[in-house]
Each structure stands twice: as structure tokens, then as C-alpha cells.
Amino acid sequence: MSWLGESAIFLAAAVLAVLLAKRLGLGSVLGYLLAGMLIGPWGFSLISDVDSILHFAELGVVFLLFIIGLELQPARLWSLRKAVIGLGGAQVLITALAISAASYFVGGQSFQTAFVIGAGLSLSSTALAIQTLAEKRQMTTRHGRAAFSLLLFQDLAAIPIIALVPLLALTGEGATWAGVSVSLAKIVAVIAVVVLGGHFLLRHVFRIVAATGIREAFTAAALLTVIGTALLVDQVGLSMGLGAFLAGVLLADSEYRHELEAGIEPFKGLLLGLFFIAVGMSVNLGITMDEPGKVMLMVISLVTFKFAVIYPLGRISGLGRSSAGNFAVLTSQGGEFAFVIFAAAGGTGLLDTVAVDELVLAVTLSMVVTPLLFLGSDAVFRWRQKTREPETYELPDNDAPQVIIAGFGRFGQIIGRILQAKRVRFTALETSTHQVDFVRRYGDKVYYGDASRLNLLRAAGADKAEVFVLAVDDPEHSLHIAEIVRQHFPHMKIFARARNRTHAYALMDLGVTRIRRETFLSSVELGREVLTGLGLPEFEAETAAQKFRDFDERRLAEHYGQPHTEEELGQMAREWADELEEMFARDEEEMKI
């Protein structure tokens, strides 16, 4: 079958399975896994070349790790340090040691193999848990916060675990200390090149590419960064994901972070979906047919043991019984990183093919049963919530912006400084690389990116922000952004800058009502000062300025919706001037009386 035919099969299976899984409340990850099982060798055998597809689809995990790295800003990690390090560290350590000990003493595995099994099974599915919480709208509950902290630590722990797999293979039979030392030296050298090169070069490279104004070139540079660092670390036997993760961390505080995330996100989503489909295809359902008792025992043992570890940790961290139960059920399965770890271990000879198939099958089935267990746990949780154990909700993320400012020139900067003075969190987006460099030199928080891109707005936190400040200079671009924000983020209040009356009317057509014409108020204020400079009393000058402001704003509202050609606008301007002059003349006569 041609690659085009296989692509059609992948897409059809993904769409149908994901729609069915979502309809049943099971989540898209399970839909991808089920789709892979159906079209793979143990299903309808529509596609048989699983290994090559799985190898290509690993790029989805690479992109996922890059985006995780982008999210790991030092300030965010510091605010979650107790929950992440304490709760997550305890869970991974206890689970990994216990399963490793069982594999070593009971299963008769070597130390290296036992460690890989224990470490791989200690991790949970970030994609499955986070998606389930988001679909149930429980991200802000206490068990949602606890799950996020635990999964964040696991994502961090997965990196060194993946990196250790080839090193453990080197320390096996036949390895020499000289060989191990040379390999370690290569690994340290490559990591140093990635870290130092990324720190000193990446930001300058992206600045040069962004200055071209060609969006496709920036996306290509982002993909090259991820794939290039991944290939570099792969040359010394480390996981490709490690290089991508390091690149992401190095760019986490960069002004290009949101633009990078927006550019990578579509590729990550598609390839991650393909990865789960390939994992589903690789599941050896024949083992279930031949040894159903053994498979069920592995799944039950894994889920039960992880629940037994995580539940008391949740209680110790301050969760109630129902909340701790939901937390434990939600994270009691195996995770997607286990697939990567076990595949790497199989490739280095630490695990044989049968062991890899059994472990992958156990992890996959544990992911399948988790949504079902969570439905039951959530039902109990809701019942207890009605009786005696109400659940409390946390405040929004500390790093989530309350305001997004599109355009950070002179107009946007003034607004930003006012917000900063009142400690209001905001994210500013600016398309001029020169302006971004200039502003960040003085400590302001501004990111490179075009606010008319929907995926960039989502990456910048538009889903959680309350206010959108439209301070873009170009009227056409401003209207395009306003249209996108009104359509996709209707909850946000839009405060807009308008260049002139025509621009203001166009914004009003889009439903934007909080509009300030950029030179209007400053011109009126200067006019007031001119009057006082001519000797008029302060009160009289202020009254004249206020009357003009009220008159012009009233006329702006009255004539909204009427056709306005340049000729008509000129005629109206003459009429307004006459009317305004008559109004001031009447006021002058009244003052004489």
C-alpha cells in the first residue's frame, strides 16, 4: 500500500476512534490507542510496518518534551517547589524502588533491568490525566493541583531516566570502565554544547530570523532547533527527547517562547496522536489471548500498588479522603514515557522482546481502565461532596496573565507600566523584533509574536485572561485581531486603540465598545492648556475642554452605523464645527447675562 493510502487509514481511524472515545467520556488518548489496535497487526491488519511508523512518531514525544521545557520557567517551578519536589519526588522514589526490588528479588532480573522496569512503571500518563481533568473542569480542584504537581515532577524525572537507559546498558556484561568513561565524556561534551550553544546562540538566531518577518522561516527555525538538538544528543546514545527538552528549557525565558510554542504545537499534536496510534498498533494482543491471567494480574498489581502509594501521600499533603482518592485513581496508571523507556531498553538489550511486549501491554491496559475507574471514583467523590466533605477550589495559576496587550509601542507601554505599578499580571505581544529587544532591555515583560495568530493567543494564556488591550498601530491588523479575539475568546473584555473615527467605527462593527482614539484626549488636553496659556481661567478652560469631549463622543455614537465616505465625513466635520461654534456662542451669551 502507498504512503498516501496508509495516511488515509491513519486519519480515518483516528477521527472515528477519537470521536467515539470522546462520546463515551474516555478521552482522545484512549481513542488513538484503540485506533492503533484496530488497524494494527492484531486487529484488522490494515497496516503492518509498525516499527518504522513508531520510530517516526517518536518525534511527537520529542516535540512534547520541547514544549514541556518551554513551560518550565524558574519562577513557576519555584512557586510549586514543595508540591513538585515533595509529593512528586516521594511518589517516584517509593514506587520505583519497590517495583525494582520486586523485579530483582522475585522476578530474578538483573539490577539494571530491574531499575528500568521500576523507573518506567513509576511514571503516570500526563496526557491522559491532564486531559481528563480539563474535560471534567477539575484542574483548579485540590486533587487537580496535586495531580499537576506530581505529573510535573514525573515529566522532569523521565528525562534522566531516559538518559540512563543507554548508560545502564554500557555497564552490563562485557562493558569496560574505559568504554564507559569515553561514553560519559561524549555525553557530557554534547550536553555542554547544547546548553552553552543554546544559551549564547539560539536567541540571536531567532532574532535574526524573526527580523525577516517571514512566519514560515520562523517555524522552520523552531523545527530545526528541536530536531537538530534531538539528533545531536542521539549521536551519543541519549534520548532525542533529552536534547529537545534542554532546548526548551534554554528558551523558557526567551521573548520568543510563545511564538515557538505556537509554531510547534500543531506538529506536536499530530505526531503525538500518531505516536499513540503506533503504540496501539504495537500492543501484542496475542499475549492477552495466550496468558489472560498473567496480563490481568500485571495490570491489577500495577494500578493497585500505585494507588496504595499515592493515596496516603495525598492525605499527608492535606487532601481529604475523596479528593485523595480521585488524585490516586487519576495517576495510578502507567504513562506514555514508559513506552519510550521500555523501547529504549529493548533496543539496548536490557529487556528482551517478550518482556517489552508484556510491559507495554500492561501500561496500555492500565491507561484504558483509568478513565473507567475515575468515573466511579468521581461519582463517589460527588456523593461525599453533597454529604459531608465539600471540595475547595484553588486560585488561578500565579503565572496566568490577567491582561494581554497586543502591540507594545508607546501606547501599549504606558498601559503596561500602569498595570505593573498595580501588580496586575499581563503578557505583551509585539511583532517588531527591534521593539522587543528595546523594551526587554529595560525589564518589561514582552514577547515576540503576531497577536492575530489564534494558536499564539492560546499559548499566551488568552483562555484564562480577563482583559485584552488592542494597542496595535495598523488599523487593518487591529481589526483582524479584534475579530479573532471576539470569535474565539468572547469572555475577554476588549479595550482598543483607534487611529481615527473610521477605525473606531470599524471596531464598533465588531462589537468593541471600549475605544480610545489615540490623539483625541491628548489633543483636547493640550487645547485646554493653550486656553489657560492665553489667560483664560482654569475653570473656564476645563469646562470648554469637557464640553468638546462630550460633544465629540456624542456625535461619534450618533453617527455610528451610517455610511461614511470621505466626502460625507468632510461635510459632517464642517457641520460639527458650526454646531460646536454655536454651542460655545450660546454659553458665552449666558455667561454675560
Foldseek 3Di string as FASTA:
>chain_A
DDPVVVVVLLVVQLVVLQVVCVVVLQHSLLSLLVSLQQCFPNHPVVDDPLPVLLVVLCVLVLLVLLLLLLQDDPVQCVVCVCLQCPQQVQQLVVQLVVQLVCCVPVVVADSLLSNLLSNQLSFFAPNRLLRSCVVVVNCQFPLNVSLVSNNSNNSVVLQVLQQCLLLSLLPDPPHDPVVSVVLVVLLVVLVVCLQVCLQPPVLVVLLVQLQVVDLVSNLVSLVCQSQVQLVSNVVSPGGSSNRSNSSSNSCNQPLASLVSCLSSVVVSVVSNSSNSSSLSSLQDCVCCVVCVPVLVVLLCCQLVVQLVSQLVSCVVVPDDNLSSNLSSLSGSAGYPSSLVSLVSNCVSVSDPPVVSNSSSNSRSVNSSCSSVVNVVSVVVSVVCCVPPDPTDGHDPRPQAAQEEEEACDPVNVVVQVVCVVVPHGYEYEYSNSVVVVVVVVVPGHYHYDQLLDPSSCVSNRLQPYAEYEQEDDDLVSSLSNLLSCCVPPVNHQYAYEAQDLVSVLSSVVSVHDRYDHDCVVVVLVVQLVVVVVVPDDNVVSVVLSVVVVVLVVVVSVVCRPPDDDPVNVVVVVVVSVVVSVVVVVVVVVVVVD
